Amino acid sequence: MTFVIILLIGGFLIAAATALIRGLGAFLRDAENLNRPDKATGEAFGVQQNRLMTQRVLFQAVAVLLIVLIGALAGSK
């Protein structure tokens, strides 16, 4: 059981890091698009980076909850 939880924690940490990197990339693209008023984008400025940063926070929250669960399981033995 603990091994599965550790694998889930690793997966959520990788997902959080990926969302962070993609969010920073979206931030840089938005900054470049601000300097080019002729270039039209599909989403309004900041929408994609806000969505990705929200995902990052959710992934981190789930990882922290799983770490707390491991601590609770270790304390009960």
N, C-alpha and C. Protein backbone atom coordinates (compact mmCIF):
# COMPACT_ATOMS: atom_id res chain seq x y z
N MET A 1 0.82 -1.20 0.00
CA MET A 1 0.00 0.00 0.00
C MET A 1 0.87 1.27 0.00
N THR A 2 1.90 1.25 0.84
CA THR A 2 2.78 2.41 0.92
C THR A 2 3.51 2.63 -0.39
N PHE A 3 3.90 1.54 -1.04
CA PHE A 3 4.62 1.66 -2.31
C PHE A 3 3.75 2.34 -3.37
N VAL A 4 2.48 1.98 -3.40
CA VAL A 4 1.56 2.58 -4.37
C VAL A 4 1.40 4.08 -4.08
N ILE A 5 1.30 4.44 -2.82
CA ILE A 5 1.16 5.85 -2.46
C ILE A 5 2.42 6.63 -2.84
N ILE A 6 3.57 6.01 -2.65
CA ILE A 6 4.82 6.68 -3.03
C ILE A 6 4.88 6.89 -4.54
N LEU A 7 4.44 5.91 -5.30
CA LEU A 7 4.39 6.08 -6.76
C LEU A 7 3.43 7.20 -7.16
N LEU A 8 2.28 7.27 -6.48
CA LEU A 8 1.33 8.35 -6.76
C LEU A 8 1.92 9.71 -6.43
N ILE A 9 2.64 9.79 -5.32
CA ILE A 9 3.28 11.06 -4.94
C ILE A 9 4.26 11.47 -6.03
N GLY A 10 5.08 10.52 -6.49
CA GLY A 10 6.03 10.83 -7.56
C GLY A 10 5.34 11.30 -8.82
N GLY A 11 4.24 10.66 -9.16
CA GLY A 11 3.49 11.06 -10.35
C GLY A 11 2.92 12.46 -10.22
N PHE A 12 2.35 12.77 -9.05
CA PHE A 12 1.79 14.11 -8.86
C PHE A 12 2.89 15.18 -8.79
N LEU A 13 4.05 14.83 -8.27
CA LEU A 13 5.15 15.80 -8.25
C LEU A 13 5.66 16.09 -9.67
N ILE A 14 5.73 15.05 -10.48
CA ILE A 14 6.13 15.25 -11.88
C ILE A 14 5.08 16.08 -12.61
N ALA A 15 3.80 15.81 -12.35
CA ALA A 15 2.73 16.59 -12.99
C ALA A 15 2.79 18.05 -12.55
N ALA A 16 3.10 18.30 -11.28
CA ALA A 16 3.21 19.68 -10.79
C ALA A 16 4.37 20.40 -11.46
N ALA A 17 5.50 19.72 -11.58
CA ALA A 17 6.66 20.33 -12.24
C ALA A 17 6.38 20.61 -13.71
N THR A 18 5.69 19.67 -14.37
CA THR A 18 5.34 19.87 -15.77
C THR A 18 4.40 21.05 -15.95
N ALA A 19 3.40 21.16 -15.07
CA ALA A 19 2.47 22.28 -15.14
C ALA A 19 3.20 23.60 -14.89
N LEU A 20 4.17 23.59 -13.98
CA LEU A 20 4.95 24.79 -13.71
C LEU A 20 5.74 25.22 -14.94
N ILE A 21 6.41 24.29 -15.57
CA ILE A 21 7.23 24.62 -16.74
C ILE A 21 6.34 25.09 -17.90
N ARG A 22 5.21 24.41 -18.12
CA ARG A 22 4.30 24.84 -19.18
C ARG A 22 3.69 26.20 -18.87
N GLY A 23 3.39 26.47 -17.60
CA GLY A 23 2.85 27.77 -17.21
C GLY A 23 3.85 28.89 -17.43
N LEU A 24 5.10 28.62 -17.11
CA LEU A 24 6.14 29.63 -17.37
C LEU A 24 6.32 29.86 -18.87
N GLY A 25 6.21 28.79 -19.66
CA GLY A 25 6.27 28.94 -21.11
C GLY A 25 5.12 29.78 -21.63
N ALA A 26 3.93 29.57 -21.09
CA ALA A 26 2.77 30.38 -21.50
C ALA A 26 2.98 31.84 -21.10
N PHE A 27 3.58 32.05 -19.94
CA PHE A 27 3.88 33.41 -19.49
C PHE A 27 4.83 34.10 -20.47
N LEU A 28 5.85 33.38 -20.91
CA LEU A 28 6.81 33.96 -21.86
C LEU A 28 6.15 34.24 -23.21
N ARG A 29 5.30 33.31 -23.66
CA ARG A 29 4.59 33.54 -24.93
C ARG A 29 3.68 34.76 -24.85
N ASP A 30 3.00 34.92 -23.71
CA ASP A 30 2.14 36.09 -23.53
C ASP A 30 2.96 37.38 -23.53
N ALA A 31 4.14 37.32 -22.91
CA ALA A 31 5.00 38.50 -22.89
C ALA A 31 5.47 38.85 -24.30
N GLU A 32 5.76 37.83 -25.11
CA GLU A 32 6.17 38.09 -26.49
C GLU A 32 5.00 38.64 -27.31
N ASN A 33 3.80 38.12 -27.06
CA ASN A 33 2.63 38.57 -27.81
C ASN A 33 2.22 39.99 -27.45
N LEU A 34 2.55 40.44 -26.25
CA LEU A 34 2.25 41.81 -25.88
C LEU A 34 3.05 42.79 -26.73
N ASN A 35 4.23 42.37 -27.14
CA ASN A 35 5.08 43.22 -27.98
C ASN A 35 4.68 43.17 -29.44
N ARG A 36 3.79 42.26 -29.81
CA ARG A 36 3.33 42.11 -31.19
C ARG A 36 1.82 42.27 -31.24
N PRO A 37 1.33 43.45 -31.38
CA PRO A 37 -0.13 43.62 -31.39
C PRO A 37 -0.80 43.04 -32.63
N ASP A 38 -0.04 42.77 -33.69
CA ASP A 38 -0.64 42.22 -34.90
C ASP A 38 -0.87 40.72 -34.82
N LYS A 39 -0.25 40.05 -33.86
CA LYS A 39 -0.38 38.60 -33.75
C LYS A 39 -1.58 38.25 -32.87
N ALA A 40 -2.56 37.57 -33.46
CA ALA A 40 -3.76 37.18 -32.72
C ALA A 40 -3.57 35.81 -32.08
N THR A 41 -4.08 35.64 -30.87
CA THR A 41 -3.99 34.35 -30.18
C THR A 41 -5.39 33.82 -29.93
N GLY A 42 -5.48 32.50 -29.70
CA GLY A 42 -6.76 31.87 -29.47
C GLY A 42 -7.35 32.19 -28.10
N GLU A 43 -6.49 32.38 -27.11
CA GLU A 43 -6.95 32.67 -25.76
C GLU A 43 -6.52 34.07 -25.36
N ALA A 44 -7.27 34.66 -24.46
CA ALA A 44 -6.90 35.97 -23.96
C ALA A 44 -5.59 35.86 -23.19
N PHE A 45 -4.92 36.98 -23.03
CA PHE A 45 -3.64 36.98 -22.33
C PHE A 45 -3.82 36.49 -20.90
N GLY A 46 -3.00 35.58 -20.48
CA GLY A 46 -3.00 35.11 -19.10
C GLY A 46 -3.94 33.97 -18.80
N VAL A 47 -4.84 33.62 -19.69
CA VAL A 47 -5.82 32.57 -19.40
C VAL A 47 -5.14 31.21 -19.29
N GLN A 48 -4.29 30.90 -20.24
CA GLN A 48 -3.63 29.60 -20.23
C GLN A 48 -2.67 29.48 -19.05
N GLN A 49 -1.91 30.54 -18.77
CA GLN A 49 -0.96 30.44 -17.66
C GLN A 49 -1.70 30.34 -16.32
N ASN A 50 -2.83 31.01 -16.17
CA ASN A 50 -3.61 30.89 -14.94
C ASN A 50 -4.16 29.47 -14.79
N ARG A 51 -4.62 28.88 -15.89
CA ARG A 51 -5.14 27.51 -15.84
C ARG A 51 -4.04 26.54 -15.45
N LEU A 52 -2.86 26.70 -16.04
CA LEU A 52 -1.76 25.79 -15.74
C LEU A 52 -1.26 25.96 -14.32
N MET A 53 -1.22 27.18 -13.82
CA MET A 53 -0.78 27.39 -12.45
C MET A 53 -1.81 26.85 -11.45
N THR A 54 -3.08 26.90 -11.80
CA THR A 54 -4.11 26.30 -10.95
C THR A 54 -3.93 24.79 -10.90
N GLN A 55 -3.64 24.20 -12.05
CA GLN A 55 -3.37 22.75 -12.08
C GLN A 55 -2.17 22.42 -11.22
N ARG A 56 -1.13 23.24 -11.27
CA ARG A 56 0.06 22.99 -10.47
C ARG A 56 -0.27 22.98 -8.98
N VAL A 57 -1.06 23.94 -8.55
CA VAL A 57 -1.44 24.01 -7.14
C VAL A 57 -2.25 22.78 -6.73
N LEU A 58 -3.16 22.35 -7.61
CA LEU A 58 -3.95 21.15 -7.30
C LEU A 58 -3.08 19.90 -7.21
N PHE A 59 -2.14 19.75 -8.14
CA PHE A 59 -1.24 18.59 -8.10
C PHE A 59 -0.39 18.61 -6.83
N GLN A 60 0.09 19.79 -6.45
CA GLN A 60 0.88 19.89 -5.22
C GLN A 60 0.03 19.56 -4.00
N ALA A 61 -1.21 20.01 -3.98
CA ALA A 61 -2.08 19.74 -2.84
C ALA A 61 -2.33 18.24 -2.69
N VAL A 62 -2.56 17.56 -3.80
CA VAL A 62 -2.79 16.11 -3.73
C VAL A 62 -1.52 15.40 -3.25
N ALA A 63 -0.36 15.84 -3.72
CA ALA A 63 0.90 15.23 -3.27
C ALA A 63 1.10 15.43 -1.77
N VAL A 64 0.80 16.62 -1.27
CA VAL A 64 0.94 16.89 0.17
C VAL A 64 -0.03 16.02 0.97
N LEU A 65 -1.26 15.89 0.49
CA LEU A 65 -2.23 15.04 1.19
C LEU A 65 -1.77 13.58 1.22
N LEU A 66 -1.17 13.12 0.15
CA LEU A 66 -0.66 11.75 0.13
C LEU A 66 0.51 11.59 1.10
N ILE A 67 1.34 12.61 1.21
CA ILE A 67 2.45 12.56 2.17
C ILE A 67 1.90 12.52 3.60
N VAL A 68 0.86 13.29 3.86
CA VAL A 68 0.22 13.25 5.18
C VAL A 68 -0.37 11.86 5.44
N LEU A 69 -0.95 11.25 4.42
CA LEU A 69 -1.51 9.90 4.55
C LEU A 69 -0.42 8.90 4.90
N ILE A 70 0.72 9.01 4.26
CA ILE A 70 1.84 8.11 4.59
C ILE A 70 2.26 8.32 6.04
N GLY A 71 2.32 9.58 6.47
CA GLY A 71 2.67 9.85 7.87
C GLY A 71 1.67 9.27 8.83
N ALA A 72 0.38 9.36 8.49
CA ALA A 72 -0.65 8.79 9.36
C ALA A 72 -0.56 7.27 9.40
N LEU A 73 -0.28 6.66 8.25
CA LEU A 73 -0.14 5.20 8.22
C LEU A 73 1.09 4.75 9.00
N ALA A 74 2.17 5.51 8.91
CA ALA A 74 3.39 5.14 9.63
C ALA A 74 3.20 5.34 11.13
N GLY A 75 2.43 6.34 11.51
CA GLY A 75 2.20 6.58 12.93
C GLY A 75 1.28 5.57 13.58
N SER A 76 0.44 4.93 12.78
CA SER A 76 -0.51 3.98 13.33
C SER A 76 0.06 2.59 13.53
N LYS A 77 1.27 2.35 13.02
CA LYS A 77 1.89 1.00 13.14
C LYS A 77 2.69 0.86 14.40
